Amino acid sequence: MDNSIYVPKRKSQMETGEVCFWTAIINGWYHLLEDDKFKEVIIGSLRTLSERGLIDVFAFVIMPNHIHLIWRINGLNKKETAQGSFLKFTVHEFKRL
């Protein structure tokens, strides 16, 4: 019996316009996000991308070493994906702190 029809297919790429669950992990599972100043960077980045209409955030949780998002990607940030912009901006800001 073929049980593959009962296993949902996992999508590894986010499609524009679709709501998806996404996780970003701190390299090495380091507990970087315990400090509120790093949480503020994440929230600010999500707010900016949302205000620019690039994403819609439906839910998020910030854990000590990773974040979970339920969001919709609405478009590109020039030639860059919204998730790429989010990661690039937050990493640069984290390095400044």
PDB file of N, CA and C in Angstrom:
ATOM      1  N   MET A   1       0.844  -1.183   0.000  1.00  0.00           N
ATOM      2  CA  MET A   1       0.000   0.000   0.000  1.00  0.00           C
ATOM      3  C   MET A   1       0.882   1.236   0.000  1.00  0.00           C
ATOM      4  N   ASP A   2       0.535   2.190  -0.817  1.00  0.00           N
ATOM      5  CA  ASP A   2       1.294   3.435  -0.928  1.00  0.00           C
ATOM      6  C   ASP A   2       0.792   4.429   0.115  1.00  0.00           C
ATOM      7  N   ASN A   3       1.593   4.649   1.170  1.00  0.00           N
ATOM      8  CA  ASN A   3       1.211   5.584   2.229  1.00  0.00           C
ATOM      9  C   ASN A   3       1.613   7.015   1.923  1.00  0.00           C
ATOM     10  N   SER A   4       2.276   7.265   0.799  1.00  0.00           N
ATOM     11  CA  SER A   4       2.762   8.614   0.501  1.00  0.00           C
ATOM     12  C   SER A   4       1.626   9.612   0.324  1.00  0.00           C
ATOM     13  N   ILE A   5       0.439   9.141  -0.010  1.00  0.00           N
ATOM     14  CA  ILE A   5      -0.675  10.080  -0.182  1.00  0.00           C
ATOM     15  C   ILE A   5      -1.148  10.643   1.157  1.00  0.00           C
ATOM     16  N   TYR A   6      -0.755  10.021   2.250  1.00  0.00           N
ATOM     17  CA  TYR A   6      -1.167  10.473   3.568  1.00  0.00           C
ATOM     18  C   TYR A   6      -0.154  11.407   4.225  1.00  0.00           C
ATOM     19  N   VAL A   7       0.992  11.566   3.604  1.00  0.00           N
ATOM     20  CA  VAL A   7       2.045  12.416   4.151  1.00  0.00           C
ATOM     21  C   VAL A   7       1.994  13.762   3.438  1.00  0.00           C
ATOM     22  N   PRO A   8       1.746  14.843   4.192  1.00  0.00           N
ATOM     23  CA  PRO A   8       1.710  16.147   3.522  1.00  0.00           C
ATOM     24  C   PRO A   8       3.086  16.510   2.971  1.00  0.00           C
ATOM     25  N   LYS A   9       3.095  17.117   1.816  1.00  0.00           N
ATOM     26  CA  LYS A   9       4.340  17.554   1.196  1.00  0.00           C
ATOM     27  C   LYS A   9       4.807  18.838   1.867  1.00  0.00           C
ATOM     28  N   ARG A  10       6.077  18.892   2.190  1.00  0.00           N
ATOM     29  CA  ARG A  10       6.657  20.079   2.808  1.00  0.00           C
ATOM     30  C   ARG A  10       7.180  20.986   1.711  1.00  0.00           C
ATOM     31  N   LYS A  11       6.800  22.253   1.780  1.00  0.00           N
ATOM     32  CA  LYS A  11       7.281  23.225   0.812  1.00  0.00           C
ATOM     33  C   LYS A  11       8.486  23.936   1.409  1.00  0.00           C
ATOM     34  N   SER A  12       9.583  23.908   0.705  1.00  0.00           N
ATOM     35  CA  SER A  12      10.790  24.540   1.227  1.00  0.00           C
ATOM     36  C   SER A  12      10.940  25.972   0.733  1.00  0.00           C
ATOM     37  N   GLN A  13      10.089  26.390  -0.171  1.00  0.00           N
ATOM     38  CA  GLN A  13      10.160  27.759  -0.671  1.00  0.00           C
ATOM     39  C   GLN A  13       8.844  28.459  -0.386  1.00  0.00           C
ATOM     40  N   MET A  14       8.954  29.743  -0.032  1.00  0.00           N
ATOM     41  CA  MET A  14       7.759  30.525   0.219  1.00  0.00           C
ATOM     42  C   MET A  14       7.292  31.149  -1.086  1.00  0.00           C
ATOM     43  N   GLU A  15       6.001  31.086  -1.306  1.00  0.00           N
ATOM     44  CA  GLU A  15       5.411  31.670  -2.499  1.00  0.00           C
ATOM     45  C   GLU A  15       4.817  33.028  -2.146  1.00  0.00           C
ATOM     46  N   THR A  16       4.985  33.992  -3.027  1.00  0.00           N
ATOM     47  CA  THR A  16       4.398  35.312  -2.831  1.00  0.00           C
ATOM     48  C   THR A  16       2.882  35.177  -2.754  1.00  0.00           C
ATOM     49  N   GLY A  17       2.299  35.823  -1.762  1.00  0.00           N
ATOM     50  CA  GLY A  17       0.854  35.818  -1.603  1.00  0.00           C
ATOM     51  C   GLY A  17       0.303  34.680  -0.766  1.00  0.00           C
ATOM     52  N   GLU A  18       1.136  33.743  -0.357  1.00  0.00           N
ATOM     53  CA  GLU A  18       0.671  32.618   0.456  1.00  0.00           C
ATOM     54  C   GLU A  18       1.084  32.796   1.915  1.00  0.00           C
ATOM     55  N   VAL A  19       0.192  32.469   2.827  1.00  0.00           N
ATOM     56  CA  VAL A  19       0.503  32.487   4.254  1.00  0.00           C
ATOM     57  C   VAL A  19       1.350  31.253   4.555  1.00  0.00           C
ATOM     58  N   CYS A  20       2.430  31.461   5.306  1.00  0.00           N
ATOM     59  CA  CYS A  20       3.300  30.325   5.620  1.00  0.00           C
ATOM     60  C   CYS A  20       3.877  30.460   7.029  1.00  0.00           C
ATOM     61  N   PHE A  21       4.329  29.338   7.535  1.00  0.00           N
ATOM     62  CA  PHE A  21       5.025  29.256   8.820  1.00  0.00           C
ATOM     63  C   PHE A  21       6.511  29.238   8.514  1.00  0.00           C
ATOM     64  N   TRP A  22       7.288  30.078   9.218  1.00  0.00           N
ATOM     65  CA  TRP A  22       8.717  30.211   8.934  1.00  0.00           C
ATOM     66  C   TRP A  22       9.473  30.308  10.251  1.00  0.00           C
ATOM     67  N   THR A  23      10.632  29.686  10.313  1.00  0.00           N
ATOM     68  CA  THR A  23      11.481  29.710  11.498  1.00  0.00           C
ATOM     69  C   THR A  23      12.868  30.194  11.120  1.00  0.00           C
ATOM     70  N   ALA A  24      13.427  31.078  11.936  1.00  0.00           N
ATOM     71  CA  ALA A  24      14.820  31.509  11.780  1.00  0.00           C
ATOM     72  C   ALA A  24      15.545  31.172  13.079  1.00  0.00           C
ATOM     73  N   ILE A  25      16.698  30.534  12.944  1.00  0.00           N
ATOM     74  CA  ILE A  25      17.453  30.036  14.096  1.00  0.00           C
ATOM     75  C   ILE A  25      18.766  30.797  14.215  1.00  0.00           C
ATOM     76  N   ILE A  26      19.132  31.156  15.442  1.00  0.00           N
ATOM     77  CA  ILE A  26      20.431  31.770  15.695  1.00  0.00           C
ATOM     78  C   ILE A  26      21.496  30.693  15.506  1.00  0.00           C
ATOM     79  N   ASN A  27      22.534  31.019  14.762  1.00  0.00           N
ATOM     80  CA  ASN A  27      23.619  30.074  14.481  1.00  0.00           C
ATOM     81  C   ASN A  27      24.167  29.485  15.785  1.00  0.00           C
ATOM     82  N   GLY A  28      24.263  28.174  15.826  1.00  0.00           N
ATOM     83  CA  GLY A  28      24.765  27.488  17.016  1.00  0.00           C
ATOM     84  C   GLY A  28      23.770  27.437  18.163  1.00  0.00           C
ATOM     85  N   TRP A  29      22.537  27.838  17.908  1.00  0.00           N
ATOM     86  CA  TRP A  29      21.484  27.873  18.924  1.00  0.00           C
ATOM     87  C   TRP A  29      21.858  28.746  20.125  1.00  0.00           C
ATOM     88  N   TYR A  30      22.725  29.721  19.912  1.00  0.00           N
ATOM     89  CA  TYR A  30      23.133  30.652  20.961  1.00  0.00           C
ATOM     90  C   TYR A  30      21.914  31.450  21.433  1.00  0.00           C
ATOM     91  N   HIS A  31      21.787  31.687  22.718  1.00  0.00           N
ATOM     92  CA  HIS A  31      20.628  32.375  23.296  1.00  0.00           C
ATOM     93  C   HIS A  31      20.755  33.893  23.182  1.00  0.00           C
ATOM     94  N   LEU A  32      20.939  34.361  21.987  1.00  0.00           N
ATOM     95  CA  LEU A  32      21.117  35.787  21.715  1.00  0.00           C
ATOM     96  C   LEU A  32      19.859  36.598  22.015  1.00  0.00           C
ATOM     97  N   LEU A  33      18.706  36.009  21.811  1.00  0.00           N
ATOM     98  CA  LEU A  33      17.454  36.761  21.888  1.00  0.00           C
ATOM     99  C   LEU A  33      16.882  36.866  23.297  1.00  0.00           C
ATOM    100  N   GLU A  34      17.652  36.493  24.303  1.00  0.00           N
ATOM    101  CA  GLU A  34      17.205  36.695  25.683  1.00  0.00           C
ATOM    102  C   GLU A  34      17.193  38.176  26.040  1.00  0.00           C
ATOM    103  N   ASP A  35      18.063  38.942  25.414  1.00  0.00           N
ATOM    104  CA  ASP A  35      18.178  40.379  25.672  1.00  0.00           C
ATOM    105  C   ASP A  35      17.106  41.129  24.877  1.00  0.00           C
ATOM    106  N   ASP A  36      16.359  41.998  25.555  1.00  0.00           N
ATOM    107  CA  ASP A  36      15.261  42.718  24.908  1.00  0.00           C
ATOM    108  C   ASP A  36      15.703  43.605  23.751  1.00  0.00           C
ATOM    109  N   LYS A  37      16.943  44.095  23.762  1.00  0.00           N
ATOM    110  CA  LYS A  37      17.374  44.977  22.672  1.00  0.00           C
ATOM    111  C   LYS A  37      17.393  44.229  21.336  1.00  0.00           C
ATOM    112  N   PHE A  38      17.673  42.940  21.351  1.00  0.00           N
ATOM    113  CA  PHE A  38      17.646  42.146  20.120  1.00  0.00           C
ATOM    114  C   PHE A  38      16.206  41.874  19.683  1.00  0.00           C
ATOM    115  N   LYS A  39      15.322  41.684  20.647  1.00  0.00           N
ATOM    116  CA  LYS A  39      13.904  41.501  20.323  1.00  0.00           C
ATOM    117  C   LYS A  39      13.348  42.753  19.658  1.00  0.00           C
ATOM    118  N   GLU A  40      13.751  43.920  20.148  1.00  0.00           N
ATOM    119  CA  GLU A  40      13.281  45.181  19.567  1.00  0.00           C
ATOM    120  C   GLU A  40      13.727  45.333  18.117  1.00  0.00           C
ATOM    121  N   VAL A  41      14.928  44.874  17.795  1.00  0.00           N
ATOM    122  CA  VAL A  41      15.408  44.918  16.408  1.00  0.00           C
ATOM    123  C   VAL A  41      14.506  44.060  15.524  1.00  0.00           C
ATOM    124  N   ILE A  42      14.176  42.871  15.988  1.00  0.00           N
ATOM    125  CA  ILE A  42      13.313  41.971  15.218  1.00  0.00           C
ATOM    126  C   ILE A  42      11.941  42.603  15.004  1.00  0.00           C
ATOM    127  N   ILE A  43      11.357  43.116  16.060  1.00  0.00           N
ATOM    128  CA  ILE A  43      10.030  43.726  15.964  1.00  0.00           C
ATOM    129  C   ILE A  43      10.064  44.941  15.044  1.00  0.00           C
ATOM    130  N   GLY A  44      11.106  45.754  15.160  1.00  0.00           N
ATOM    131  CA  GLY A  44      11.235  46.927  14.295  1.00  0.00           C
ATOM    132  C   GLY A  44      11.375  46.558  12.831  1.00  0.00           C
ATOM    133  N   SER A  45      12.125  45.524  12.552  1.00  0.00           N
ATOM    134  CA  SER A  45      12.300  45.072  11.177  1.00  0.00           C
ATOM    135  C   SER A  45      10.985  44.552  10.601  1.00  0.00           C
ATOM    136  N   LEU A  46      10.273  43.756  11.373  1.00  0.00           N
ATOM    137  CA  LEU A  46       8.970  43.262  10.923  1.00  0.00           C
ATOM    138  C   LEU A  46       7.996  44.414  10.703  1.00  0.00           C
ATOM    139  N   ARG A  47       8.013  45.384  11.599  1.00  0.00           N
ATOM    140  CA  ARG A  47       7.128  46.544  11.474  1.00  0.00           C
ATOM    141  C   ARG A  47       7.427  47.313  10.189  1.00  0.00           C
ATOM    142  N   THR A  48       8.708  47.557   9.914  1.00  0.00           N
ATOM    143  CA  THR A  48       9.097  48.304   8.716  1.00  0.00           C
ATOM    144  C   THR A  48       8.665  47.582   7.444  1.00  0.00           C
ATOM    145  N   LEU A  49       8.947  46.292   7.361  1.00  0.00           N
ATOM    146  CA  LEU A  49       8.556  45.529   6.170  1.00  0.00           C
ATOM    147  C   LEU A  49       7.038  45.494   6.012  1.00  0.00           C
ATOM    148  N   SER A  50       6.320  45.432   7.123  1.00  0.00           N
ATOM    149  CA  SER A  50       4.864  45.437   7.081  1.00  0.00           C
ATOM    150  C   SER A  50       4.332  46.791   6.616  1.00  0.00           C
ATOM    151  N   GLU A  51       4.881  47.872   7.157  1.00  0.00           N
ATOM    152  CA  GLU A  51       4.446  49.215   6.760  1.00  0.00           C
ATOM    153  C   GLU A  51       4.725  49.495   5.289  1.00  0.00           C
ATOM    154  N   ARG A  52       5.765  48.891   4.748  1.00  0.00           N
ATOM    155  CA  ARG A  52       6.101  49.053   3.334  1.00  0.00           C
ATOM    156  C   ARG A  52       5.283  48.124   2.440  1.00  0.00           C
ATOM    157  N   GLY A  53       4.428  47.303   3.047  1.00  0.00           N
ATOM    158  CA  GLY A  53       3.550  46.422   2.292  1.00  0.00           C
ATOM    159  C   GLY A  53       4.208  45.169   1.756  1.00  0.00           C
ATOM    160  N   LEU A  54       5.426  44.878   2.204  1.00  0.00           N
ATOM    161  CA  LEU A  54       6.141  43.706   1.705  1.00  0.00           C
ATOM    162  C   LEU A  54       5.718  42.417   2.398  1.00  0.00           C
ATOM    163  N   ILE A  55       5.233  42.532   3.635  1.00  0.00           N
ATOM    164  CA  ILE A  55       4.788  41.357   4.388  1.00  0.00           C
ATOM    165  C   ILE A  55       3.535  41.696   5.180  1.00  0.00           C
ATOM    166  N   ASP A  56       2.796  40.678   5.538  1.00  0.00           N
ATOM    167  CA  ASP A  56       1.729  40.757   6.533  1.00  0.00           C
ATOM    168  C   ASP A  56       2.077  39.735   7.600  1.00  0.00           C
ATOM    169  N   VAL A  57       2.178  40.186   8.837  1.00  0.00           N
ATOM    170  CA  VAL A  57       2.511  39.292   9.950  1.00  0.00           C
ATOM    171  C   VAL A  57       1.222  38.965  10.699  1.00  0.00           C
ATOM    172  N   PHE A  58       0.929  37.683  10.815  1.00  0.00           N
ATOM    173  CA  PHE A  58      -0.272  37.237  11.510  1.00  0.00           C
ATOM    174  C   PHE A  58       0.037  36.798  12.934  1.00  0.00           C
ATOM    175  N   ALA A  59       1.223  36.261  13.160  1.00  0.00           N
ATOM    176  CA  ALA A  59       1.637  35.840  14.502  1.00  0.00           C
ATOM    177  C   ALA A  59       3.144  35.643  14.500  1.00  0.00           C
ATOM    178  N   PHE A  60       3.746  35.868  15.658  1.00  0.00           N
ATOM    179  CA  PHE A  60       5.171  35.566  15.806  1.00  0.00           C
ATOM    180  C   PHE A  60       5.468  35.278  17.260  1.00  0.00           C
ATOM    181  N   VAL A  61       6.528  34.517  17.478  1.00  0.00           N
ATOM    182  CA  VAL A  61       7.012  34.255  18.825  1.00  0.00           C
ATOM    183  C   VAL A  61       8.532  34.342  18.770  1.00  0.00           C
ATOM    184  N   ILE A  62       9.093  35.037  19.742  1.00  0.00           N
ATOM    185  CA  ILE A  62      10.547  35.167  19.837  1.00  0.00           C
ATOM    186  C   ILE A  62      11.005  34.305  21.005  1.00  0.00           C
ATOM    187  N   MET A  63      11.759  33.279  20.693  1.00  0.00           N
ATOM    188  CA  MET A  63      12.324  32.376  21.682  1.00  0.00           C
ATOM    189  C   MET A  63      13.776  32.810  21.941  1.00  0.00           C
ATOM    190  N   PRO A  64      14.443  32.288  22.954  1.00  0.00           N
ATOM    191  CA  PRO A  64      15.816  32.727  23.238  1.00  0.00           C
ATOM    192  C   PRO A  64      16.800  32.517  22.090  1.00  0.00           C
ATOM    193  N   ASN A  65      16.565  31.511  21.247  1.00  0.00           N
ATOM    194  CA  ASN A  65      17.542  31.217  20.196  1.00  0.00           C
ATOM    195  C   ASN A  65      16.929  31.042  18.805  1.00  0.00           C
ATOM    196  N   HIS A  66      15.658  31.364  18.654  1.00  0.00           N
ATOM    197  CA  HIS A  66      15.021  31.297  17.340  1.00  0.00           C
ATOM    198  C   HIS A  66      13.702  32.061  17.366  1.00  0.00           C
ATOM    199  N   ILE A  67      13.171  32.306  16.181  1.00  0.00           N
ATOM    200  CA  ILE A  67      11.861  32.951  16.073  1.00  0.00           C
ATOM    201  C   ILE A  67      10.975  32.114  15.151  1.00  0.00           C
ATOM    202  N   HIS A  68       9.678  32.197  15.398  1.00  0.00           N
ATOM    203  CA  HIS A  68       8.681  31.585  14.522  1.00  0.00           C
ATOM    204  C   HIS A  68       7.780  32.705  14.015  1.00  0.00           C
ATOM    205  N   LEU A  69       7.431  32.634  12.748  1.00  0.00           N
ATOM    206  CA  LEU A  69       6.527  33.612  12.147  1.00  0.00           C
ATOM    207  C   LEU A  69       5.439  32.889  11.372  1.00  0.00           C
ATOM    208  N   ILE A  70       4.246  33.434  11.433  1.00  0.00           N
ATOM    209  CA  ILE A  70       3.204  33.103  10.468  1.00  0.00           C
ATOM    210  C   ILE A  70       2.974  34.399   9.720  1.00  0.00           C
ATOM    211  N   TRP A  71       3.352  34.398   8.456  1.00  0.00           N
ATOM    212  CA  TRP A  71       3.319  35.631   7.671  1.00  0.00           C
ATOM    213  C   TRP A  71       3.014  35.344   6.215  1.00  0.00           C
ATOM    214  N   ARG A  72       2.745  36.442   5.501  1.00  0.00           N
ATOM    215  CA  ARG A  72       2.544  36.364   4.061  1.00  0.00           C
ATOM    216  C   ARG A  72       3.558  37.296   3.418  1.00  0.00           C
ATOM    217  N   ILE A  73       4.262  36.794   2.435  1.00  0.00           N
ATOM    218  CA  ILE A  73       5.199  37.603   1.660  1.00  0.00           C
ATOM    219  C   ILE A  73       4.405  38.213   0.511  1.00  0.00           C
ATOM    220  N   ASN A  74       4.364  39.544   0.445  1.00  0.00           N
ATOM    221  CA  ASN A  74       3.568  40.226  -0.576  1.00  0.00           C
ATOM    222  C   ASN A  74       4.371  40.636  -1.796  1.00  0.00           C
ATOM    223  N   GLY A  75       5.678  40.708  -1.669  1.00  0.00           N
ATOM    224  CA  GLY A  75       6.477  41.119  -2.816  1.00  0.00           C
ATOM    225  C   GLY A  75       7.946  41.204  -2.482  1.00  0.00           C
ATOM    226  N   LEU A  76       8.710  41.563  -3.498  1.00  0.00           N
ATOM    227  CA  LEU A  76      10.157  41.694  -3.348  1.00  0.00           C
ATOM    228  C   LEU A  76      10.519  43.072  -2.814  1.00  0.00           C
ATOM    229  N   ASN A  77      11.656  43.157  -2.158  1.00  0.00           N
ATOM    230  CA  ASN A  77      12.257  44.418  -1.751  1.00  0.00           C
ATOM    231  C   ASN A  77      13.344  44.701  -2.783  1.00  0.00           C
ATOM    232  N   LYS A  78      12.966  45.397  -3.834  1.00  0.00           N
ATOM    233  CA  LYS A  78      13.800  45.560  -5.032  1.00  0.00           C
ATOM    234  C   LYS A  78      14.042  44.173  -5.612  1.00  0.00           C
ATOM    235  N   LYS A  79      15.276  43.688  -5.633  1.00  0.00           N
ATOM    236  CA  LYS A  79      15.549  42.344  -6.159  1.00  0.00           C
ATOM    237  C   LYS A  79      15.679  41.308  -5.054  1.00  0.00           C
ATOM    238  N   GLU A  80      15.461  41.722  -3.820  1.00  0.00           N
ATOM    239  CA  GLU A  80      15.683  40.857  -2.662  1.00  0.00           C
ATOM    240  C   GLU A  80      14.348  40.368  -2.104  1.00  0.00           C
ATOM    241  N   THR A  81      14.327  39.135  -1.631  1.00  0.00           N
ATOM    242  CA  THR A  81      13.113  38.630  -0.994  1.00  0.00           C
ATOM    243  C   THR A  81      12.892  39.343   0.336  1.00  0.00           C
ATOM    244  N   ALA A  82      11.653  39.360   0.778  1.00  0.00           N
ATOM    245  CA  ALA A  82      11.344  39.997   2.060  1.00  0.00           C
ATOM    246  C   ALA A  82      12.054  39.290   3.207  1.00  0.00           C
ATOM    247  N   GLN A  83      12.101  37.962   3.170  1.00  0.00           N
ATOM    248  CA  GLN A  83      12.796  37.238   4.236  1.00  0.00           C
ATOM    249  C   GLN A  83      14.296  37.496   4.183  1.00  0.00           C
ATOM    250  N   GLY A  84      14.849  37.664   2.989  1.00  0.00           N
ATOM    251  CA  GLY A  84      16.263  38.020   2.846  1.00  0.00           C
ATOM    252  C   GLY A  84      16.540  39.393   3.423  1.00  0.00           C
ATOM    253  N   SER A  85      15.656  40.355   3.146  1.00  0.00           N
ATOM    254  CA  SER A  85      15.796  41.701   3.706  1.00  0.00           C
ATOM    255  C   SER A  85      15.707  41.673   5.220  1.00  0.00           C
ATOM    256  N   PHE A  86      14.757  40.899   5.734  1.00  0.00           N
ATOM    257  CA  PHE A  86      14.589  40.785   7.181  1.00  0.00           C
ATOM    258  C   PHE A  86      15.855  40.241   7.835  1.00  0.00           C
ATOM    259  N   LEU A  87      16.379  39.149   7.301  1.00  0.00           N
ATOM    260  CA  LEU A  87      17.574  38.531   7.885  1.00  0.00           C
ATOM    261  C   LEU A  87      18.789  39.443   7.767  1.00  0.00           C
ATOM    262  N   LYS A  88      18.979  40.051   6.614  1.00  0.00           N
ATOM    263  CA  LYS A  88      20.144  40.914   6.400  1.00  0.00           C
ATOM    264  C   LYS A  88      20.112  42.117   7.338  1.00  0.00           C
ATOM    265  N   PHE A  89      18.957  42.770   7.434  1.00  0.00           N
ATOM    266  CA  PHE A  89      18.844  43.940   8.297  1.00  0.00           C
ATOM    267  C   PHE A  89      19.085  43.572   9.759  1.00  0.00           C
ATOM    268  N   THR A  90      18.445  42.501  10.234  1.00  0.00           N
ATOM    269  CA  THR A  90      18.586  42.155  11.648  1.00  0.00           C
ATOM    270  C   THR A  90      20.018  41.757  11.988  1.00  0.00           C
ATOM    271  N   VAL A  91      20.684  41.034  11.102  1.00  0.00           N
ATOM    272  CA  VAL A  91      22.085  40.653  11.364  1.00  0.00           C
ATOM    273  C   VAL A  91      22.962  41.890  11.467  1.00  0.00           C
ATOM    274  N   HIS A  92      22.787  42.841  10.542  1.00  0.00           N
ATOM    275  CA  HIS A  92      23.597  44.068  10.599  1.00  0.00           C
ATOM    276  C   HIS A  92      23.328  44.846  11.887  1.00  0.00           C
ATOM    277  N   GLU A  93      22.068  44.917  12.283  1.00  0.00           N
ATOM    278  CA  GLU A  93      21.732  45.626  13.517  1.00  0.00           C
ATOM    279  C   GLU A  93      22.260  44.889  14.748  1.00  0.00           C
ATOM    280  N   PHE A  94      22.181  43.571  14.756  1.00  0.00           N
ATOM    281  CA  PHE A  94      22.717  42.798  15.876  1.00  0.00           C
ATOM    282  C   PHE A  94      24.205  43.059  16.039  1.00  0.00           C
ATOM    283  N   LYS A  95      24.928  43.143  14.943  1.00  0.00           N
ATOM    284  CA  LYS A  95      26.378  43.382  15.005  1.00  0.00           C
ATOM    285  C   LYS A  95      26.693  44.759  15.566  1.00  0.00           C
ATOM    286  N   ARG A  96      25.787  45.714  15.375  1.00  0.00           N
ATOM    287  CA  ARG A  96      26.004  47.075  15.884  1.00  0.00           C
ATOM    288  C   ARG A  96      25.773  47.175  17.386  1.00  0.00           C
ATOM    289  N   LEU A  97      24.998  46.258  17.945  1.00  0.00           N
ATOM    290  CA  LEU A  97      24.664  46.333  19.384  1.00  0.00           C
ATOM    291  C   LEU A  97      25.787  45.805  20.260  1.00  0.00           C
TER     292      LEU A  97
END
